[in-house]
Amino acid sequence: MQHQKTKTVLKHTLLGAALTAALSTTAQAREEITVAYFLEWPTPNLYAQSTQAYEDAMGVKINWVAFDSGTAMSAAMASGDVQISFSQGIPPFVVAASAGQDLQIIDVAVAYSENDNCVVREDLEIDKTNAKELAGKVGVPIGTAAHYGFLKQMEHFGVDTGGMKIVDMAPPDAAAAFANGNLDMVCGWGGALKRMKEHGNVLLTGAEKEAIGIKVFDATVIPASFGDEHPELVAKFLDVTADMNSRYKQEPAAMLPTIAKAAGMDDASASSTLAGFSFPARDQQLSQAWLGGDLQVFLKEVADFFTKQGTIPQARASYDDAVDASYLQASSQL
């Protein structure tokens, strides 16, 4: 623990020095980075993506690459192909971190209890009152927030998932198979979830899920080595993100068309999805409720649950070093 404190103090010192350097120095150190994100996931930072506000602030070329799952983001960061993952789900982060991948959460991208869920085929006539009757074929992206929510809901309803045929499917694929009647239950998020609900019903609302302890939020994640080498780039990325979140609260209508286009959605669909999102302000994120301590505890809870379910072989003893608030703190001083 003392070693970790020393490392944190050193990192703050390095950040302070780095942030006084000219942007040209940063550009020479690294000319471009790759940032992972999701399509059909309309967040205010997409406005900055479209207007090149990130590149202007950071002084580097940014390659934005769309992914269909957080597990794929982890793999891309492990290979060195991605330096920043925006809005990675907590479960895929936990799976990767528990396996030894040196990743760190550096801020909370979005909270969205209503925008990640499981849907049961309408003609089965199953809801929360008779959920114990659930069986059949389920399409769910393994190791994601949707998978975690699925397992927690089944545990809540006392459903034995051993009697189900669970297929690892990206949400868009699961939604298409669900529409064709090839699946009994599907889990996903964003635009895919909206399409799923056209053919079925959710078992629990977002508020009902929160009541039984299912938190649903995503984080901005980096390989720890990238943060150590380029702390100023990370801080500037978070500063632009925070600025976009704040700006969206003030002028959502003006930003919506650009956000929707970048997300690959029409304005109405993007607006509907955004209505179920919340973006914690920087000071909120730095409080005990988030990066100040509760997030680290939640990571451990998810890991222990996944261990119990057999999703991962073993959880870490602690996830304190899997969260680093120093970059967000530094961004507030820019």
Protein backbone atom coordinates (compact mmCIF):
# COMPACT_ATOMS: atom_id res chain seq x y z
CA MET A 1 0.00 0.00 0.00
CA GLN A 2 2.86 2.40 0.84
CA HIS A 3 4.35 1.62 -2.57
CA GLN A 4 1.03 2.54 -4.21
CA LYS A 5 0.88 5.86 -2.31
CA THR A 6 4.42 6.68 -3.39
CA LYS A 7 3.52 5.83 -6.98
CA THR A 8 0.44 8.10 -6.80
CA VAL A 9 2.44 11.03 -5.39
CA LEU A 10 5.06 10.55 -8.09
CA LYS A 11 2.38 10.42 -10.78
CA HIS A 12 0.87 13.70 -9.53
CA THR A 13 4.32 15.28 -9.68
CA LEU A 14 4.87 14.01 -13.20
CA LEU A 15 1.43 15.17 -14.27
CA GLY A 16 2.09 18.66 -12.94
CA ALA A 17 5.33 18.88 -14.85
CA ALA A 18 3.92 17.37 -18.02
CA LEU A 19 0.92 19.65 -18.15
CA THR A 20 3.18 22.70 -18.26
CA ALA A 21 4.93 21.39 -21.36
CA ALA A 22 4.04 22.70 -24.82
CA LEU A 23 1.64 20.70 -26.95
CA SER A 24 4.35 20.41 -29.60
CA THR A 25 6.41 18.33 -27.18
CA THR A 26 3.47 15.96 -26.73
CA ALA A 27 3.00 15.66 -30.47
CA GLN A 28 6.66 14.77 -30.92
CA ALA A 29 6.43 12.14 -28.19
CA ARG A 30 3.43 10.50 -29.84
CA GLU A 31 1.97 11.57 -33.17
CA GLU A 32 -1.29 9.61 -33.03
CA ILE A 33 -3.43 7.41 -30.81
CA THR A 34 -6.41 5.11 -31.31
CA VAL A 35 -9.58 5.49 -29.28
CA ALA A 36 -12.22 2.76 -29.10
CA TYR A 37 -15.92 3.62 -28.90
CA PHE A 38 -19.38 2.19 -29.65
CA LEU A 39 -21.75 3.01 -32.49
CA GLU A 40 -25.43 3.46 -31.53
CA TRP A 41 -24.15 4.82 -28.23
CA PRO A 42 -24.78 8.58 -28.40
CA THR A 43 -22.67 10.43 -25.85
CA PRO A 44 -21.74 14.14 -25.79
CA ASN A 45 -18.09 13.38 -26.46
CA LEU A 46 -19.03 12.31 -30.00
CA TYR A 47 -19.56 16.00 -30.70
CA ALA A 48 -15.89 16.57 -29.89
CA GLN A 49 -14.98 13.56 -32.01
CA SER A 50 -16.78 15.06 -35.02
CA THR A 51 -15.40 18.57 -34.59
CA GLN A 52 -11.84 17.36 -33.84
CA ALA A 53 -11.91 19.10 -30.48
CA TYR A 54 -9.92 16.25 -28.97
CA GLU A 55 -7.20 16.54 -31.58
CA ASP A 56 -7.03 20.32 -31.16
CA ALA A 57 -6.64 20.00 -27.38
CA MET A 58 -4.28 17.04 -27.36
CA GLY A 59 -2.12 17.90 -30.34
CA VAL A 60 -2.18 14.39 -31.81
CA LYS A 61 -4.02 12.59 -34.58
CA ILE A 62 -6.80 10.38 -33.23
CA ASN A 63 -8.08 7.26 -34.96
CA TRP A 64 -11.60 6.47 -33.74
CA VAL A 65 -12.42 2.78 -34.09
CA ALA A 66 -15.90 1.37 -33.39
CA PHE A 67 -16.21 -1.90 -31.44
CA ASP A 68 -19.21 -4.10 -30.75
CA SER A 69 -18.25 -5.21 -27.23
CA GLY A 70 -16.13 -4.25 -24.25
CA THR A 71 -14.32 -7.59 -24.38
CA ALA A 72 -13.07 -6.71 -27.86
CA MET A 73 -11.84 -3.39 -26.45
CA SER A 74 -9.84 -5.24 -23.79
CA ALA A 75 -8.22 -7.42 -26.44
CA ALA A 76 -7.31 -4.38 -28.54
CA MET A 77 -5.73 -2.65 -25.55
CA ALA A 78 -3.81 -5.82 -24.69
CA SER A 79 -2.35 -5.93 -28.22
CA GLY A 80 -1.41 -2.26 -28.12
CA ASP A 81 -3.82 -1.36 -30.93
CA VAL A 82 -5.97 0.88 -28.70
CA GLN A 83 -4.73 3.45 -26.17
CA ILE A 84 -8.06 4.69 -24.78
CA SER A 85 -11.40 2.89 -24.60
CA PHE A 86 -14.37 5.18 -24.13
CA SER A 87 -17.43 3.73 -22.40
CA GLN A 88 -16.15 0.23 -21.71
CA GLY A 89 -18.55 -1.76 -19.56
CA ILE A 90 -17.50 -2.64 -16.01
CA PRO A 91 -17.88 -6.44 -16.36
CA PRO A 92 -15.52 -6.75 -19.37
CA PHE A 93 -13.09 -4.50 -17.54
CA VAL A 94 -13.28 -6.73 -14.47
CA VAL A 95 -12.78 -9.88 -16.54
CA ALA A 96 -9.65 -8.46 -18.17
CA ALA A 97 -8.25 -6.96 -14.97
CA SER A 98 -8.85 -10.20 -13.07
CA ALA A 99 -6.94 -12.09 -15.74
CA GLY A 100 -3.92 -9.89 -15.12
CA GLN A 101 -4.32 -7.25 -17.83
CA ASP A 102 -2.91 -3.99 -16.48
CA LEU A 103 -5.87 -1.70 -17.20
CA GLN A 104 -7.08 1.31 -15.24
CA ILE A 105 -10.41 3.12 -15.00
CA ILE A 106 -9.81 6.85 -15.21
CA ASP A 107 -13.34 8.24 -15.23
CA VAL A 108 -17.03 7.34 -15.41
CA ALA A 109 -18.19 7.72 -19.01
CA VAL A 110 -21.94 7.23 -18.56
CA ALA A 111 -24.50 5.68 -16.20
CA TYR A 112 -27.46 3.99 -17.89
CA SER A 113 -29.62 1.58 -15.91
CA GLU A 114 -32.43 1.84 -18.49
CA ASN A 115 -30.17 1.35 -21.51
CA ASP A 116 -28.80 -2.10 -20.78
CA ASN A 117 -31.22 -4.96 -20.22
CA CYS A 118 -32.56 -8.38 -21.15
CA VAL A 119 -35.71 -8.96 -23.20
CA VAL A 120 -37.94 -12.06 -23.21
CA ARG A 121 -39.86 -13.09 -26.33
CA GLU A 122 -43.35 -11.63 -26.17
CA ASP A 123 -45.27 -14.80 -27.00
CA LEU A 124 -43.72 -16.63 -24.03
CA GLU A 125 -45.82 -14.40 -21.75
CA ILE A 126 -43.14 -14.34 -19.06
CA ASP A 127 -42.62 -11.35 -16.78
CA LYS A 128 -41.24 -10.80 -13.28
CA THR A 129 -44.21 -12.63 -11.71
CA ASN A 130 -43.43 -15.96 -13.40
CA ALA A 131 -39.75 -15.54 -14.36
CA LYS A 132 -38.88 -18.89 -12.77
CA GLU A 133 -40.36 -20.50 -15.89
CA LEU A 134 -37.56 -19.06 -18.04
CA ALA A 135 -35.73 -21.59 -20.19
CA GLY A 136 -34.65 -21.97 -23.81
CA LYS A 137 -32.01 -20.23 -25.92
CA VAL A 138 -30.48 -16.94 -24.79
CA GLY A 139 -28.30 -14.59 -26.82
CA VAL A 140 -25.98 -12.56 -24.58
CA PRO A 141 -22.52 -11.01 -25.04
CA ILE A 142 -20.44 -12.97 -22.53
CA GLY A 143 -18.35 -10.98 -20.06
CA THR A 144 -20.16 -7.68 -20.61
CA ALA A 145 -22.45 -5.51 -18.48
CA ALA A 146 -25.39 -7.19 -20.19
CA HIS A 147 -24.07 -10.62 -19.18
CA TYR A 148 -23.58 -9.49 -15.58
CA GLY A 149 -27.10 -8.06 -15.51
CA PHE A 150 -28.49 -11.28 -16.97
CA LEU A 151 -26.79 -13.45 -14.34
CA LYS A 152 -27.85 -11.15 -11.49
CA GLN A 153 -31.45 -11.11 -12.68
CA MET A 154 -31.54 -14.88 -13.01
CA GLU A 155 -30.08 -15.21 -9.52
CA HIS A 156 -32.73 -12.80 -8.23
CA PHE A 157 -35.54 -14.82 -9.81
CA GLY A 158 -34.05 -18.16 -8.77
CA VAL A 159 -33.58 -19.36 -12.36
CA ASP A 160 -31.05 -22.13 -12.99
CA THR A 161 -29.08 -20.95 -16.03
CA GLY A 162 -27.76 -24.49 -16.42
CA GLY A 163 -31.08 -25.34 -18.04
CA MET A 164 -30.61 -22.66 -20.70
CA LYS A 165 -28.62 -22.70 -23.91
CA ILE A 166 -26.56 -19.52 -23.65
CA VAL A 167 -25.02 -18.25 -26.89
CA ASP A 168 -22.29 -15.58 -26.92
CA MET A 169 -23.64 -12.95 -29.34
CA ALA A 170 -22.98 -9.26 -29.96
CA PRO A 171 -26.20 -7.26 -29.33
CA PRO A 172 -26.86 -6.33 -33.00
CA ASP A 173 -26.61 -10.00 -34.00
CA ALA A 174 -28.77 -11.09 -31.07
CA ALA A 175 -31.41 -8.50 -31.96
CA ALA A 176 -31.58 -9.80 -35.54
CA ALA A 177 -31.86 -13.42 -34.41
CA PHE A 178 -34.50 -12.44 -31.86
CA ALA A 179 -36.56 -10.69 -34.53
CA ASN A 180 -36.45 -13.89 -36.61
CA GLY A 181 -37.72 -15.94 -33.67
CA ASN A 182 -34.47 -17.87 -33.20
CA LEU A 183 -33.94 -16.86 -29.55
CA ASP A 184 -36.15 -16.88 -26.46
CA MET A 185 -34.29 -14.19 -24.59
CA VAL A 186 -31.66 -11.62 -25.53
CA CYS A 187 -29.55 -9.08 -23.67
CA GLY A 188 -27.91 -5.91 -24.96
CA TRP A 189 -27.78 -2.15 -24.99
CA GLY A 190 -28.32 0.97 -27.08
CA GLY A 191 -29.95 0.72 -30.49
CA ALA A 192 -29.85 -3.08 -30.39
CA LEU A 193 -31.82 -3.09 -27.13
CA LYS A 194 -34.43 -0.81 -28.69
CA ARG A 195 -34.87 -3.29 -31.56
CA MET A 196 -35.05 -6.19 -29.10
CA LYS A 197 -37.93 -4.53 -27.25
CA GLU A 198 -39.94 -4.43 -30.46
CA HIS A 199 -40.35 -8.21 -30.12
CA GLY A 200 -40.40 -8.74 -26.36
CA ASN A 201 -40.53 -7.37 -22.84
CA VAL A 202 -38.00 -6.59 -20.12
CA LEU A 203 -38.27 -8.41 -16.80
CA LEU A 204 -37.12 -5.51 -14.64
CA THR A 205 -36.96 -1.77 -15.21
CA GLY A 206 -33.76 0.17 -14.61
CA ALA A 207 -34.97 1.34 -11.21
CA GLU A 208 -35.96 -2.21 -10.25
CA LYS A 209 -32.52 -3.47 -11.24
CA GLU A 210 -30.83 -0.79 -9.15
CA ALA A 211 -33.00 -1.81 -6.20
CA ILE A 212 -31.51 -5.31 -6.27
CA GLY A 213 -27.95 -4.05 -6.60
CA ILE A 214 -27.39 -4.06 -10.37
CA LYS A 215 -25.40 -0.93 -11.18
CA VAL A 216 -24.98 -0.16 -14.86
CA PHE A 217 -22.32 2.30 -15.96
CA ASP A 218 -19.32 2.47 -18.26
CA ALA A 219 -15.84 3.86 -17.76
CA THR A 220 -13.02 5.41 -19.72
CA VAL A 221 -10.21 2.85 -19.59
CA ILE A 222 -6.53 2.91 -20.50
CA PRO A 223 -3.60 0.50 -20.36
CA ALA A 224 -1.67 1.62 -17.26
CA SER A 225 1.54 1.83 -19.29
CA PHE A 226 0.00 4.36 -21.68
CA GLY A 227 -1.02 6.57 -18.76
CA ASP A 228 2.43 6.35 -17.23
CA GLU A 229 4.06 7.36 -20.50
CA HIS A 230 1.57 10.03 -21.61
CA PRO A 231 -0.21 11.47 -18.54
CA GLU A 232 -0.80 14.85 -20.19
CA LEU A 233 -2.60 13.30 -23.16
CA VAL A 234 -4.88 11.36 -20.85
CA ALA A 235 -5.69 14.42 -18.73
CA LYS A 236 -6.48 16.50 -21.81
CA PHE A 237 -8.74 13.77 -23.19
CA LEU A 238 -10.71 13.75 -19.94
CA ASP A 239 -10.91 17.54 -19.89
CA VAL A 240 -12.51 17.63 -23.34
CA THR A 241 -14.93 14.87 -22.33
CA ALA A 242 -15.96 16.76 -19.19
CA ASP A 243 -16.42 19.94 -21.23
CA MET A 244 -18.69 18.15 -23.72
CA ASN A 245 -20.80 16.65 -20.91
CA SER A 246 -21.23 20.06 -19.31
CA ARG A 247 -22.00 21.71 -22.64
CA TYR A 248 -24.61 19.10 -23.53
CA LYS A 249 -26.54 19.86 -20.35
CA GLN A 250 -26.74 23.49 -21.47
CA GLU A 251 -27.50 23.04 -25.18
CA PRO A 252 -28.65 19.50 -25.97
CA ALA A 253 -30.70 20.45 -29.04
CA ALA A 254 -27.77 22.18 -30.73
CA MET A 255 -25.42 19.23 -30.21
CA LEU A 256 -27.87 16.39 -30.89
CA PRO A 257 -27.67 16.22 -34.73
CA THR A 258 -23.87 15.95 -34.67
CA ILE A 259 -23.91 13.37 -31.87
CA ALA A 260 -26.57 11.29 -33.62
CA LYS A 261 -24.70 11.28 -36.93
CA ALA A 262 -21.45 10.21 -35.25
CA ALA A 263 -23.31 7.42 -33.44
CA GLY A 264 -24.86 6.17 -36.66
CA MET A 265 -28.40 7.00 -35.51
CA ASP A 266 -31.25 9.30 -36.47
CA ASP A 267 -31.96 12.27 -34.21
CA ALA A 268 -35.08 10.74 -32.64
CA SER A 269 -33.39 7.47 -31.71
CA ALA A 270 -30.34 9.25 -30.33
CA SER A 271 -32.50 11.59 -28.28
CA SER A 272 -34.48 8.68 -26.87
CA THR A 273 -31.30 6.84 -25.87
CA LEU A 274 -29.73 9.95 -24.35
CA ALA A 275 -32.82 10.42 -22.20
CA GLY A 276 -31.79 7.27 -20.32
CA PHE A 277 -28.18 8.38 -19.82
CA SER A 278 -26.59 10.41 -17.05
CA PHE A 279 -23.08 11.86 -17.09
CA PRO A 280 -21.62 12.43 -13.61
CA ALA A 281 -19.79 15.74 -13.34
CA ARG A 282 -16.08 15.75 -12.58
CA ASP A 283 -16.49 16.68 -8.91
CA GLN A 284 -19.08 13.91 -8.49
CA GLN A 285 -16.72 11.38 -10.01
CA LEU A 286 -13.92 12.39 -7.65
CA SER A 287 -16.17 11.88 -4.62
CA GLN A 288 -16.38 8.78 -2.44
CA ALA A 289 -19.43 7.60 -4.42
CA TRP A 290 -17.30 7.00 -7.51
CA LEU A 291 -13.51 7.05 -7.97
CA GLY A 292 -12.99 8.07 -4.35
CA GLY A 293 -13.61 4.53 -3.12
CA ASP A 294 -17.03 3.07 -3.88
CA LEU A 295 -16.11 2.18 -7.46
CA GLN A 296 -13.18 0.08 -6.27
CA VAL A 297 -15.49 -1.79 -3.89
CA PHE A 298 -18.00 -2.39 -6.69
CA LEU A 299 -15.29 -3.84 -8.94
CA LYS A 300 -14.49 -6.36 -6.23
CA GLU A 301 -18.18 -7.23 -5.84
CA VAL A 302 -18.52 -7.88 -9.59
CA ALA A 303 -15.34 -9.95 -9.64
CA ASP A 304 -16.45 -12.06 -6.67
CA PHE A 305 -19.83 -12.62 -8.31
CA PHE A 306 -18.23 -13.68 -11.59
CA THR A 307 -15.95 -16.05 -9.67
CA LYS A 308 -18.96 -17.60 -7.97
CA GLN A 309 -20.68 -17.99 -11.35
CA GLY A 310 -17.62 -19.56 -12.92
CA THR A 311 -17.18 -16.74 -15.44
CA ILE A 312 -13.63 -16.05 -14.21
CA PRO A 313 -11.35 -18.43 -12.29
CA GLN A 314 -10.34 -16.01 -9.56
CA ALA A 315 -10.85 -12.42 -8.42
CA ARG A 316 -8.11 -10.10 -7.28
CA ALA A 317 -7.73 -9.52 -3.56
CA SER A 318 -8.34 -5.81 -4.25
CA TYR A 319 -9.11 -3.58 -7.23
CA ASP A 320 -7.82 -0.36 -5.67
CA ASP A 321 -4.97 -0.08 -8.16
CA ALA A 322 -7.35 -0.69 -11.08
CA VAL A 323 -8.72 2.84 -10.60
CA ASP A 324 -6.63 5.99 -10.96
CA ALA A 325 -8.28 9.33 -10.25
CA SER A 326 -5.10 11.37 -10.73
CA TYR A 327 -5.73 12.02 -14.43
CA LEU A 328 -9.23 13.35 -13.74
CA GLN A 329 -7.86 15.51 -10.92
CA ALA A 330 -5.19 16.87 -13.25
CA SER A 331 -7.77 17.58 -15.95
CA SER A 332 -9.64 19.88 -13.59
CA GLN A 333 -6.55 22.10 -13.39
CA LEU A 334 -6.25 22.65 -17.14
